[in-house]
Protein backbone atom coordinates (compact mmCIF):
# COMPACT_ATOMS: atom_id res chain seq x y z
CA MET A 1 6.31 -13.42 0.25
CA LEU A 2 4.69 -10.29 1.68
CA LYS A 3 6.85 -10.52 4.79
CA VAL A 4 9.98 -10.86 2.66
CA ASN A 5 8.97 -7.85 0.51
CA SER A 6 8.30 -5.77 3.62
CA GLY A 7 11.61 -6.70 5.30
CA ILE A 8 10.06 -8.68 8.17
CA LEU A 9 11.73 -11.87 6.97
CA LYS A 10 14.96 -12.31 5.04
CA PRO A 11 14.87 -14.37 1.80
CA THR A 12 16.52 -17.81 2.03
CA GLU A 13 17.90 -17.32 -1.48
CA GLY A 14 18.49 -14.38 -3.78
CA MET A 15 17.58 -10.81 -2.89
CA VAL A 16 14.64 -8.43 -2.86
CA LYS A 17 14.96 -4.90 -4.14
CA CYS A 18 12.32 -2.34 -3.24
CA ASN A 19 12.11 1.14 -4.73
CA GLY A 20 10.38 3.55 -2.36
CA ASN A 21 8.72 2.95 0.99
CA VAL A 22 7.24 -0.36 2.02
CA VAL A 23 4.82 -0.52 4.89
CA PRO A 24 3.75 -3.93 6.17
CA MET A 25 0.09 -3.04 6.70
CA LEU A 26 -0.83 -6.59 7.74
CA GLU A 27 1.63 -6.34 10.61
CA LEU A 28 0.08 -3.04 11.68
CA GLY A 29 -3.26 -4.72 12.03
CA SER A 30 -4.98 -2.14 9.88
CA GLY A 31 -8.00 -3.27 7.96
CA PHE A 32 -10.70 -1.88 5.78
CA ASP A 33 -13.90 -0.40 7.06
CA MET A 34 -16.75 -1.97 5.12
CA ASP A 35 -18.84 1.18 5.61
CA LEU A 36 -16.32 3.25 3.62
CA THR A 37 -15.61 3.26 -0.11
CA GLY A 38 -12.30 1.97 -1.43
CA ARG A 39 -11.08 5.53 -1.90
CA GLU A 40 -12.11 6.48 1.65
CA ASN A 41 -10.28 3.42 3.01
CA ILE A 42 -7.13 4.40 1.11
CA TYR A 43 -7.23 7.91 2.57
CA LEU A 44 -7.96 6.58 6.09
CA ASN A 45 -5.08 4.09 6.03
CA GLY A 46 -2.75 6.66 4.50
CA ALA A 47 -3.61 9.07 7.31
CA ILE A 48 -2.98 6.34 9.90
CA LEU A 49 0.46 5.86 8.36
CA GLY A 50 1.16 9.60 8.62
CA TYR A 51 0.93 10.59 4.96
CA SER A 52 -0.45 14.01 4.10
CA LYS A 53 -3.70 14.35 2.21
CA ASP A 54 -1.83 15.98 -0.70
CA PHE A 55 0.61 13.04 -0.89
CA ILE A 56 -2.19 10.45 -0.79
CA ARG A 57 -4.12 12.33 -3.47
CA SER A 58 -1.03 12.55 -5.69
CA GLU A 59 -0.24 8.83 -5.36
CA TYR A 60 -3.88 7.79 -5.71
CA ASP A 61 -4.30 9.83 -8.88
CA LYS A 62 -1.10 8.42 -10.39
CA TYR A 63 -2.08 4.85 -9.59
CA TRP A 64 -5.74 5.25 -10.64
CA SER A 65 -4.75 6.51 -14.10
CA SER A 66 -2.21 3.72 -14.71
CA PRO A 67 -2.92 0.49 -16.62
CA ARG A 68 -1.53 -1.38 -13.59
CA PHE A 69 -4.56 -0.37 -11.52
CA HIS A 70 -6.92 -2.10 -13.90
CA ARG A 71 -4.74 -5.20 -13.94
CA ASP A 72 -4.53 -5.35 -10.11
CA ILE A 73 -8.17 -4.59 -9.39
CA PHE A 74 -10.03 -6.41 -12.15
């Protein structure tokens, strides 16, 4: 399903609609550094993908304050 969502594979039925950018991080081979906090890992991987610190901060703050964060993390 992740590969279909990221555009690596095409769905056999139906369609997938994505709003915004999708980056297949598993295909990039990026992982998490266990010596870093979750926040530090987010900034590190965002930087690897070429996002500015201001953009990462903006998106992180929006996501952190949303009810979806608590549903996805906990």
